[in-house]
N, C-alpha and C. Protein backbone atom coordinates (compact mmCIF):
# COMPACT_ATOMS: atom_id res chain seq x y z
N MET A 1 0.82 -1.20 0.00
CA MET A 1 0.00 0.00 0.00
C MET A 1 0.86 1.27 0.00
N TYR A 2 1.93 1.26 0.81
CA TYR A 2 2.81 2.42 0.92
C TYR A 2 3.37 2.81 -0.45
N GLN A 3 3.79 1.83 -1.24
CA GLN A 3 4.40 2.11 -2.56
C GLN A 3 3.41 2.81 -3.49
N TYR A 4 2.13 2.42 -3.42
CA TYR A 4 1.11 3.06 -4.26
C TYR A 4 0.90 4.51 -3.84
N ILE A 5 0.86 4.73 -2.54
CA ILE A 5 0.69 6.11 -2.04
C ILE A 5 1.92 6.94 -2.40
N LEU A 6 3.10 6.36 -2.29
CA LEU A 6 4.34 7.05 -2.67
C LEU A 6 4.31 7.45 -4.14
N ALA A 7 3.87 6.52 -5.00
CA ALA A 7 3.79 6.82 -6.44
C ALA A 7 2.83 7.98 -6.69
N ILE A 8 1.69 7.95 -6.05
CA ILE A 8 0.71 9.04 -6.19
C ILE A 8 1.32 10.35 -5.69
N HIS A 9 2.00 10.29 -4.57
CA HIS A 9 2.65 11.46 -3.99
C HIS A 9 3.65 12.07 -5.00
N ILE A 10 4.50 11.25 -5.56
CA ILE A 10 5.51 11.74 -6.51
C ILE A 10 4.86 12.32 -7.76
N ILE A 11 3.87 11.63 -8.31
CA ILE A 11 3.19 12.11 -9.52
C ILE A 11 2.58 13.49 -9.28
N PHE A 12 1.92 13.65 -8.14
CA PHE A 12 1.25 14.93 -7.90
C PHE A 12 2.21 16.02 -7.41
N VAL A 13 3.38 15.64 -6.88
CA VAL A 13 4.41 16.65 -6.62
C VAL A 13 4.85 17.25 -7.96
N VAL A 14 5.03 16.38 -8.96
CA VAL A 14 5.41 16.87 -10.30
C VAL A 14 4.34 17.81 -10.84
N CYS A 15 3.08 17.43 -10.71
CA CYS A 15 1.98 18.27 -11.20
C CYS A 15 1.92 19.60 -10.45
N TRP A 16 2.06 19.53 -9.12
CA TRP A 16 2.02 20.74 -8.30
C TRP A 16 3.15 21.69 -8.67
N MET A 17 4.36 21.15 -8.78
CA MET A 17 5.50 22.00 -9.12
C MET A 17 5.36 22.59 -10.52
N ALA A 18 4.87 21.79 -11.46
CA ALA A 18 4.64 22.31 -12.82
C ALA A 18 3.66 23.48 -12.76
N GLY A 19 2.60 23.32 -11.96
CA GLY A 19 1.63 24.39 -11.81
C GLY A 19 2.24 25.64 -11.20
N LEU A 20 3.03 25.47 -10.16
CA LEU A 20 3.67 26.62 -9.52
C LEU A 20 4.64 27.32 -10.47
N PHE A 21 5.46 26.53 -11.17
CA PHE A 21 6.42 27.13 -12.11
C PHE A 21 5.72 27.90 -13.22
N TYR A 22 4.68 27.29 -13.80
CA TYR A 22 3.99 27.94 -14.92
C TYR A 22 3.18 29.14 -14.43
N MET A 23 2.62 29.04 -13.23
CA MET A 23 1.82 30.15 -12.69
C MET A 23 2.66 31.42 -12.59
N VAL A 24 3.84 31.30 -12.03
CA VAL A 24 4.68 32.49 -11.87
C VAL A 24 5.15 32.99 -13.23
N ARG A 25 5.34 32.09 -14.16
CA ARG A 25 5.69 32.49 -15.53
C ARG A 25 4.55 33.31 -16.13
N LEU A 26 3.31 32.87 -15.88
CA LEU A 26 2.15 33.65 -16.34
C LEU A 26 2.10 35.02 -15.66
N PHE A 27 2.48 35.07 -14.39
CA PHE A 27 2.53 36.36 -13.69
C PHE A 27 3.51 37.31 -14.39
N VAL A 28 4.65 36.77 -14.82
CA VAL A 28 5.65 37.59 -15.52
C VAL A 28 5.02 38.18 -16.78
N TYR A 29 4.40 37.34 -17.59
CA TYR A 29 3.79 37.81 -18.83
C TYR A 29 2.63 38.77 -18.55
N HIS A 30 1.86 38.47 -17.53
CA HIS A 30 0.72 39.31 -17.17
C HIS A 30 1.21 40.70 -16.75
N THR A 31 2.28 40.74 -15.97
CA THR A 31 2.86 42.01 -15.54
C THR A 31 3.42 42.78 -16.74
N GLU A 32 4.12 42.09 -17.62
CA GLU A 32 4.69 42.75 -18.80
C GLU A 32 3.61 43.24 -19.75
N ALA A 33 2.46 42.60 -19.75
CA ALA A 33 1.34 43.03 -20.60
C ALA A 33 0.83 44.41 -20.21
N GLN A 34 1.10 44.81 -18.97
CA GLN A 34 0.63 46.12 -18.51
C GLN A 34 1.36 47.26 -19.20
N GLN A 35 2.47 46.95 -19.87
CA GLN A 35 3.24 47.97 -20.60
C GLN A 35 2.70 48.16 -22.02
N LYS A 36 1.81 47.29 -22.44
CA LYS A 36 1.26 47.34 -23.81
C LYS A 36 0.21 48.45 -23.91
N PRO A 37 0.04 48.99 -25.11
CA PRO A 37 -1.03 49.99 -25.31
C PRO A 37 -2.40 49.30 -25.33
N GLU A 38 -3.44 50.09 -25.12
CA GLU A 38 -4.80 49.57 -25.25
C GLU A 38 -5.11 49.39 -26.73
N PRO A 39 -5.90 48.44 -27.14
CA PRO A 39 -6.67 47.48 -26.34
C PRO A 39 -5.88 46.22 -26.00
N ASP A 40 -4.61 46.15 -26.46
CA ASP A 40 -3.81 44.95 -26.21
C ASP A 40 -3.70 44.62 -24.72
N ARG A 41 -3.49 45.67 -23.90
CA ARG A 41 -3.32 45.46 -22.46
C ARG A 41 -4.54 44.74 -21.87
N THR A 42 -5.73 45.23 -22.19
CA THR A 42 -6.95 44.64 -21.63
C THR A 42 -7.17 43.23 -22.15
N ILE A 43 -6.96 43.03 -23.44
CA ILE A 43 -7.16 41.71 -24.04
C ILE A 43 -6.20 40.70 -23.40
N LEU A 44 -4.92 41.07 -23.32
CA LEU A 44 -3.92 40.17 -22.72
C LEU A 44 -4.21 39.93 -21.24
N SER A 45 -4.53 40.97 -20.50
CA SER A 45 -4.81 40.81 -19.07
C SER A 45 -5.99 39.86 -18.85
N ASN A 46 -7.05 40.04 -19.63
CA ASN A 46 -8.20 39.15 -19.49
C ASN A 46 -7.83 37.71 -19.80
N GLN A 47 -7.03 37.51 -20.84
CA GLN A 47 -6.61 36.15 -21.19
C GLN A 47 -5.71 35.54 -20.11
N PHE A 48 -4.77 36.32 -19.59
CA PHE A 48 -3.90 35.80 -18.53
C PHE A 48 -4.70 35.47 -17.27
N GLU A 49 -5.69 36.28 -16.95
CA GLU A 49 -6.52 35.98 -15.78
C GLU A 49 -7.25 34.65 -15.94
N ILE A 50 -7.77 34.38 -17.12
CA ILE A 50 -8.44 33.10 -17.39
C ILE A 50 -7.45 31.95 -17.26
N MET A 51 -6.29 32.10 -17.89
CA MET A 51 -5.27 31.05 -17.84
C MET A 51 -4.81 30.79 -16.40
N GLU A 52 -4.56 31.86 -15.65
CA GLU A 52 -4.10 31.72 -14.27
C GLU A 52 -5.16 31.01 -13.41
N ARG A 53 -6.40 31.46 -13.56
CA ARG A 53 -7.48 30.87 -12.76
C ARG A 53 -7.65 29.38 -13.07
N LYS A 54 -7.64 29.01 -14.33
CA LYS A 54 -7.80 27.60 -14.70
C LYS A 54 -6.61 26.77 -14.24
N LEU A 55 -5.40 27.26 -14.47
CA LEU A 55 -4.21 26.54 -14.02
C LEU A 55 -4.25 26.34 -12.51
N TRP A 56 -4.62 27.38 -11.79
CA TRP A 56 -4.61 27.33 -10.33
C TRP A 56 -5.63 26.35 -9.78
N TYR A 57 -6.87 26.52 -10.21
CA TYR A 57 -7.96 25.76 -9.60
C TYR A 57 -8.20 24.37 -10.21
N ILE A 58 -7.69 24.14 -11.41
CA ILE A 58 -7.88 22.83 -12.04
C ILE A 58 -6.67 21.92 -11.85
N ILE A 59 -5.46 22.51 -11.79
CA ILE A 59 -4.25 21.69 -11.70
C ILE A 59 -3.50 21.92 -10.38
N THR A 60 -3.13 23.15 -10.10
CA THR A 60 -2.20 23.42 -9.00
C THR A 60 -2.79 23.13 -7.62
N VAL A 61 -3.95 23.66 -7.33
CA VAL A 61 -4.55 23.44 -6.00
C VAL A 61 -4.91 21.96 -5.78
N PRO A 62 -5.61 21.31 -6.73
CA PRO A 62 -5.90 19.88 -6.49
C PRO A 62 -4.63 19.04 -6.33
N SER A 63 -3.59 19.34 -7.09
CA SER A 63 -2.33 18.60 -6.95
C SER A 63 -1.73 18.80 -5.57
N MET A 64 -1.74 20.04 -5.08
CA MET A 64 -1.20 20.33 -3.74
C MET A 64 -1.98 19.56 -2.69
N VAL A 65 -3.29 19.53 -2.81
CA VAL A 65 -4.13 18.82 -1.83
C VAL A 65 -3.80 17.33 -1.84
N ILE A 66 -3.66 16.75 -3.02
CA ILE A 66 -3.34 15.31 -3.12
C ILE A 66 -1.95 15.04 -2.55
N VAL A 67 -0.99 15.92 -2.82
CA VAL A 67 0.36 15.76 -2.27
C VAL A 67 0.32 15.74 -0.74
N VAL A 68 -0.40 16.68 -0.17
CA VAL A 68 -0.47 16.76 1.29
C VAL A 68 -1.18 15.54 1.87
N ILE A 69 -2.29 15.14 1.27
CA ILE A 69 -3.02 13.96 1.76
C ILE A 69 -2.16 12.70 1.65
N ALA A 70 -1.49 12.54 0.50
CA ALA A 70 -0.62 11.36 0.32
C ALA A 70 0.55 11.40 1.30
N GLY A 71 1.13 12.57 1.52
CA GLY A 71 2.24 12.70 2.47
C GLY A 71 1.81 12.35 3.89
N ILE A 72 0.67 12.87 4.30
CA ILE A 72 0.16 12.54 5.64
C ILE A 72 -0.14 11.05 5.75
N THR A 73 -0.71 10.48 4.69
CA THR A 73 -1.02 9.05 4.69
C THR A 73 0.25 8.22 4.84
N MET A 74 1.31 8.60 4.13
CA MET A 74 2.58 7.86 4.25
C MET A 74 3.15 7.97 5.66
N LEU A 75 3.02 9.15 6.26
CA LEU A 75 3.51 9.32 7.63
C LEU A 75 2.68 8.50 8.62
N CYS A 76 1.41 8.33 8.34
CA CYS A 76 0.56 7.48 9.19
C CYS A 76 0.91 6.01 9.01
N LEU A 77 1.24 5.62 7.77
CA LEU A 77 1.61 4.23 7.50
C LEU A 77 2.99 3.88 8.08
N VAL A 78 3.90 4.86 8.05
CA VAL A 78 5.26 4.64 8.57
C VAL A 78 5.59 5.80 9.52
N PRO A 79 5.04 5.78 10.72
CA PRO A 79 5.28 6.89 11.65
C PRO A 79 6.74 7.02 12.08
N ALA A 80 7.53 5.99 11.85
CA ALA A 80 8.96 6.07 12.20
C ALA A 80 9.67 7.16 11.42
N TRP A 81 9.14 7.55 10.25
CA TRP A 81 9.75 8.65 9.48
C TRP A 81 9.81 9.91 10.33
N LEU A 82 8.83 10.09 11.21
CA LEU A 82 8.80 11.30 12.04
C LEU A 82 9.90 11.32 13.10
N GLN A 83 10.59 10.21 13.27
CA GLN A 83 11.71 10.15 14.22
C GLN A 83 13.02 10.59 13.56
N GLN A 84 13.00 10.74 12.24
CA GLN A 84 14.22 11.04 11.48
C GLN A 84 14.43 12.56 11.36
N PRO A 85 15.64 13.03 11.69
CA PRO A 85 15.92 14.48 11.58
C PRO A 85 15.73 15.04 10.17
N TRP A 86 16.11 14.26 9.15
CA TRP A 86 15.94 14.75 7.78
C TRP A 86 14.48 15.00 7.47
N MET A 87 13.57 14.21 8.04
CA MET A 87 12.14 14.40 7.79
C MET A 87 11.65 15.71 8.40
N HIS A 88 12.18 16.06 9.56
CA HIS A 88 11.80 17.33 10.18
C HIS A 88 12.19 18.50 9.27
N ILE A 89 13.39 18.41 8.71
CA ILE A 89 13.87 19.48 7.81
C ILE A 89 13.05 19.48 6.52
N LYS A 90 12.76 18.29 6.01
CA LYS A 90 11.94 18.20 4.80
C LYS A 90 10.58 18.83 5.05
N LEU A 91 9.96 18.51 6.17
CA LEU A 91 8.65 19.08 6.48
C LEU A 91 8.71 20.59 6.63
N PHE A 92 9.82 21.11 7.15
CA PHE A 92 10.01 22.56 7.20
C PHE A 92 9.99 23.15 5.79
N PHE A 93 10.73 22.53 4.87
CA PHE A 93 10.74 23.02 3.48
C PHE A 93 9.38 22.85 2.82
N VAL A 94 8.65 21.80 3.15
CA VAL A 94 7.29 21.60 2.61
C VAL A 94 6.38 22.72 3.11
N VAL A 95 6.50 23.09 4.38
CA VAL A 95 5.71 24.20 4.90
C VAL A 95 6.09 25.48 4.16
N CYS A 96 7.37 25.69 3.89
CA CYS A 96 7.80 26.85 3.11
C CYS A 96 7.17 26.83 1.72
N LEU A 97 7.10 25.65 1.11
CA LEU A 97 6.49 25.51 -0.21
C LEU A 97 4.98 25.81 -0.15
N LEU A 98 4.33 25.41 0.92
CA LEU A 98 2.91 25.74 1.09
C LEU A 98 2.72 27.25 1.25
N VAL A 99 3.60 27.90 1.99
CA VAL A 99 3.54 29.36 2.13
C VAL A 99 3.73 30.00 0.76
N TYR A 100 4.70 29.51 0.00
CA TYR A 100 4.95 29.99 -1.37
C TYR A 100 3.68 29.84 -2.21
N HIS A 101 3.06 28.67 -2.12
CA HIS A 101 1.83 28.37 -2.87
C HIS A 101 0.76 29.43 -2.57
N PHE A 102 0.52 29.69 -1.29
CA PHE A 102 -0.55 30.63 -0.93
C PHE A 102 -0.17 32.08 -1.23
N LYS A 103 1.12 32.38 -1.22
CA LYS A 103 1.56 33.72 -1.65
C LYS A 103 1.28 33.89 -3.15
N CYS A 104 1.51 32.84 -3.92
CA CYS A 104 1.19 32.90 -5.36
C CYS A 104 -0.30 33.12 -5.57
N GLN A 105 -1.11 32.47 -4.77
CA GLN A 105 -2.56 32.65 -4.87
C GLN A 105 -2.92 34.11 -4.58
N ASN A 106 -2.26 34.69 -3.60
CA ASN A 106 -2.48 36.09 -3.25
C ASN A 106 -2.09 37.01 -4.40
N ILE A 107 -0.95 36.73 -5.03
CA ILE A 107 -0.50 37.53 -6.18
C ILE A 107 -1.52 37.44 -7.31
N MET A 108 -2.02 36.22 -7.56
CA MET A 108 -3.01 36.01 -8.63
C MET A 108 -4.26 36.86 -8.35
N LYS A 109 -4.74 36.84 -7.12
CA LYS A 109 -5.94 37.61 -6.77
C LYS A 109 -5.70 39.11 -6.89
N GLN A 110 -4.50 39.57 -6.51
CA GLN A 110 -4.18 40.99 -6.65
C GLN A 110 -4.19 41.40 -8.12
N MET A 111 -3.56 40.58 -8.97
CA MET A 111 -3.51 40.91 -10.39
C MET A 111 -4.91 40.94 -11.00
N ALA A 112 -5.78 40.05 -10.56
CA ALA A 112 -7.16 40.04 -11.06
C ALA A 112 -7.89 41.34 -10.69
N LEU A 113 -7.43 41.98 -9.62
CA LEU A 113 -8.01 43.26 -9.20
C LEU A 113 -7.28 44.46 -9.83
N GLY A 114 -6.27 44.15 -10.66
CA GLY A 114 -5.51 45.22 -11.31
C GLY A 114 -4.38 45.77 -10.46
N VAL A 115 -3.97 45.02 -9.44
CA VAL A 115 -2.88 45.46 -8.56
C VAL A 115 -1.63 44.67 -8.93
N TYR A 116 -0.60 45.39 -9.38
CA TYR A 116 0.66 44.78 -9.80
C TYR A 116 1.78 45.32 -8.93
N LYS A 117 2.08 44.60 -7.85
CA LYS A 117 3.09 45.05 -6.88
C LYS A 117 4.49 44.57 -7.24
N TRP A 118 4.60 43.58 -8.10
CA TRP A 118 5.88 42.95 -8.43
C TRP A 118 6.28 43.33 -9.85
N THR A 119 7.57 43.58 -10.06
CA THR A 119 8.08 43.76 -11.42
C THR A 119 8.29 42.37 -12.04
N SER A 120 8.46 42.34 -13.35
CA SER A 120 8.69 41.05 -14.00
C SER A 120 10.01 40.43 -13.53
N THR A 121 11.01 41.25 -13.25
CA THR A 121 12.28 40.72 -12.73
C THR A 121 12.10 40.13 -11.34
N GLN A 122 11.36 40.82 -10.48
CA GLN A 122 11.09 40.28 -9.15
C GLN A 122 10.34 38.95 -9.24
N LEU A 123 9.42 38.86 -10.18
CA LEU A 123 8.67 37.61 -10.34
C LEU A 123 9.56 36.49 -10.87
N ARG A 124 10.49 36.83 -11.74
CA ARG A 124 11.43 35.81 -12.22
C ARG A 124 12.27 35.27 -11.06
N LEU A 125 12.71 36.16 -10.18
CA LEU A 125 13.45 35.72 -9.00
C LEU A 125 12.56 34.92 -8.05
N TRP A 126 11.32 35.36 -7.89
CA TRP A 126 10.36 34.65 -7.05
C TRP A 126 10.17 33.21 -7.56
N ASN A 127 10.16 33.05 -8.86
CA ASN A 127 9.99 31.72 -9.46
C ASN A 127 11.11 30.78 -9.03
N GLU A 128 12.29 31.33 -8.78
CA GLU A 128 13.43 30.49 -8.40
C GLU A 128 13.33 30.01 -6.95
N VAL A 129 12.52 30.66 -6.13
CA VAL A 129 12.32 30.20 -4.76
C VAL A 129 11.76 28.78 -4.77
N ALA A 130 10.79 28.52 -5.64
CA ALA A 130 10.21 27.17 -5.75
C ALA A 130 11.27 26.17 -6.21
N THR A 131 12.15 26.59 -7.10
CA THR A 131 13.23 25.72 -7.57
C THR A 131 14.14 25.34 -6.41
N ILE A 132 14.51 26.31 -5.61
CA ILE A 132 15.40 26.06 -4.47
C ILE A 132 14.73 25.12 -3.47
N LEU A 133 13.46 25.36 -3.18
CA LEU A 133 12.74 24.48 -2.26
C LEU A 133 12.64 23.06 -2.81
N LEU A 134 12.39 22.94 -4.11
CA LEU A 134 12.31 21.61 -4.73
C LEU A 134 13.66 20.88 -4.61
N PHE A 135 14.75 21.57 -4.90
CA PHE A 135 16.09 20.97 -4.76
C PHE A 135 16.30 20.49 -3.33
N ALA A 136 15.99 21.35 -2.36
CA ALA A 136 16.21 21.01 -0.96
C ALA A 136 15.41 19.77 -0.57
N ILE A 137 14.15 19.73 -0.96
CA ILE A 137 13.29 18.60 -0.60
C ILE A 137 13.76 17.31 -1.25
N VAL A 138 14.06 17.35 -2.54
CA VAL A 138 14.47 16.13 -3.25
C VAL A 138 15.79 15.61 -2.69
N PHE A 139 16.76 16.49 -2.48
CA PHE A 139 18.04 16.02 -1.93
C PHE A 139 17.87 15.43 -0.54
N LEU A 140 17.03 16.05 0.29
CA LEU A 140 16.79 15.49 1.62
C LEU A 140 16.17 14.11 1.55
N VAL A 141 15.20 13.94 0.67
CA VAL A 141 14.52 12.64 0.56
C VAL A 141 15.46 11.57 0.01
N VAL A 142 16.25 11.93 -0.97
CA VAL A 142 17.15 10.95 -1.60
C VAL A 142 18.31 10.59 -0.68
N LEU A 143 18.94 11.60 -0.06
CA LEU A 143 20.14 11.35 0.73
C LEU A 143 19.84 10.99 2.18
N LYS A 144 18.71 11.40 2.69
CA LYS A 144 18.30 11.15 4.08
C LYS A 144 19.41 11.49 5.07
N SER A 145 19.75 10.57 5.94
CA SER A 145 20.73 10.88 6.97
C SER A 145 22.16 10.96 6.44
N ALA A 146 22.38 10.54 5.20
CA ALA A 146 23.71 10.57 4.62
C ALA A 146 24.12 11.98 4.22
N VAL A 147 23.17 12.90 4.21
CA VAL A 147 23.49 14.25 3.74
C VAL A 147 24.38 14.97 4.76
N ASN A 148 25.34 15.67 4.22
CA ASN A 148 26.19 16.51 5.05
C ASN A 148 25.55 17.90 5.03
N TRP A 149 25.04 18.35 6.17
CA TRP A 149 24.25 19.57 6.22
C TRP A 149 25.03 20.80 5.79
N ILE A 150 26.31 20.85 6.08
CA ILE A 150 27.10 22.01 5.67
C ILE A 150 27.21 22.07 4.15
N TYR A 151 27.53 20.95 3.53
CA TYR A 151 27.60 20.92 2.06
C TYR A 151 26.24 21.21 1.45
N GLY A 152 25.20 20.68 2.05
CA GLY A 152 23.85 20.94 1.55
C GLY A 152 23.49 22.41 1.61
N LEU A 153 23.80 23.05 2.72
CA LEU A 153 23.52 24.47 2.88
C LEU A 153 24.34 25.30 1.90
N VAL A 154 25.62 24.98 1.78
CA VAL A 154 26.48 25.69 0.83
C VAL A 154 25.95 25.49 -0.59
N GLY A 155 25.54 24.28 -0.90
CA GLY A 155 24.98 23.99 -2.23
C GLY A 155 23.73 24.81 -2.51
N LEU A 156 22.84 24.93 -1.55
CA LEU A 156 21.62 25.73 -1.73
C LEU A 156 21.95 27.20 -1.92
N VAL A 157 22.91 27.69 -1.15
CA VAL A 157 23.31 29.10 -1.29
C VAL A 157 23.90 29.33 -2.68
N LEU A 158 24.78 28.42 -3.11
CA LEU A 158 25.37 28.56 -4.45
C LEU A 158 24.31 28.47 -5.54
N LEU A 159 23.37 27.53 -5.40
CA LEU A 159 22.28 27.42 -6.36
C LEU A 159 21.48 28.72 -6.41
N SER A 160 21.20 29.30 -5.26
CA SER A 160 20.46 30.56 -5.21
C SER A 160 21.21 31.67 -5.93
N ILE A 161 22.51 31.73 -5.71
CA ILE A 161 23.33 32.76 -6.36
C ILE A 161 23.35 32.56 -7.87
N ILE A 162 23.52 31.32 -8.30
CA ILE A 162 23.56 31.01 -9.74
C ILE A 162 22.23 31.36 -10.40
N LEU A 163 21.13 30.99 -9.76
CA LEU A 163 19.81 31.28 -10.34
C LEU A 163 19.56 32.79 -10.39
N SER A 164 19.96 33.51 -9.35
CA SER A 164 19.79 34.97 -9.35
C SER A 164 20.62 35.61 -10.45
N MET A 165 21.85 35.14 -10.62
CA MET A 165 22.70 35.68 -11.68
C MET A 165 22.10 35.37 -13.05
N ALA A 166 21.56 34.18 -13.22
CA ALA A 166 20.97 33.80 -14.50
C ALA A 166 19.78 34.71 -14.84
N VAL A 167 18.98 35.04 -13.85
CA VAL A 167 17.84 35.94 -14.07
C VAL A 167 18.33 37.32 -14.47
N LYS A 168 19.37 37.81 -13.81
CA LYS A 168 19.90 39.14 -14.13
C LYS A 168 20.56 39.16 -15.51
N ILE A 169 21.27 38.11 -15.86
CA ILE A 169 21.88 38.03 -17.19
C ILE A 169 20.81 37.99 -18.27
N TYR A 170 19.76 37.22 -18.02
CA TYR A 170 18.65 37.14 -18.98
C TYR A 170 18.00 38.51 -19.16
N LYS A 171 17.84 39.24 -18.06
CA LYS A 171 17.24 40.58 -18.14
C LYS A 171 18.10 41.50 -19.00
N LYS A 172 19.42 41.45 -18.81
CA LYS A 172 20.32 42.29 -19.61
C LYS A 172 20.25 41.91 -21.08
N MET A 173 20.19 40.61 -21.37
CA MET A 173 20.10 40.15 -22.76
C MET A 173 18.80 40.60 -23.40
N ARG A 174 17.71 40.58 -22.64
CA ARG A 174 16.42 41.02 -23.16
C ARG A 174 16.42 42.50 -23.45
N MET A 175 17.08 43.28 -22.60
CA MET A 175 17.12 44.72 -22.76
C MET A 175 17.93 45.11 -24.01
N LYS A 176 18.98 44.34 -24.32
CA LYS A 176 19.82 44.62 -25.49
C LYS A 176 19.12 44.24 -26.77
N GLY A 177 18.40 43.11 -26.74
CA GLY A 177 17.78 42.57 -27.95
C GLY A 177 16.43 43.06 -28.14
């Protein structure tokens, strides 16, 4: 039974992450559409709002719910996982991912009201937060107690720096071209 729940958990983690990654990408395009002249701005904004709403409520939220239910089910089936230090850290990162999820929902609702608090560059950087959390969670699950926390922390910091630099380089390339 555990293996079936694990498979469902992994499948819906992939769906949830795909939804989160694409949602923030839509936020970038939606924000950039605000620079367009009318009627393009209104047409694009309306289309992005439809896309965001469908992605969120048809794919992203249901996937997140299934991930959480499957995760809790696995912990109930094997409560010994809760004795492992790596699981405590993983659950911390999962909570961070849930906070990220609900912050994205808040951004989506603000944009639907015509409130754009984030620049497209800030949103590109925000998108990398999910990437960093995904890396942290996957490495913790795969390596478990074998992980060297100092190397892991250094690796996450380096990944964060590399992703931030990549976003800034991309912005400069876009501005030139």
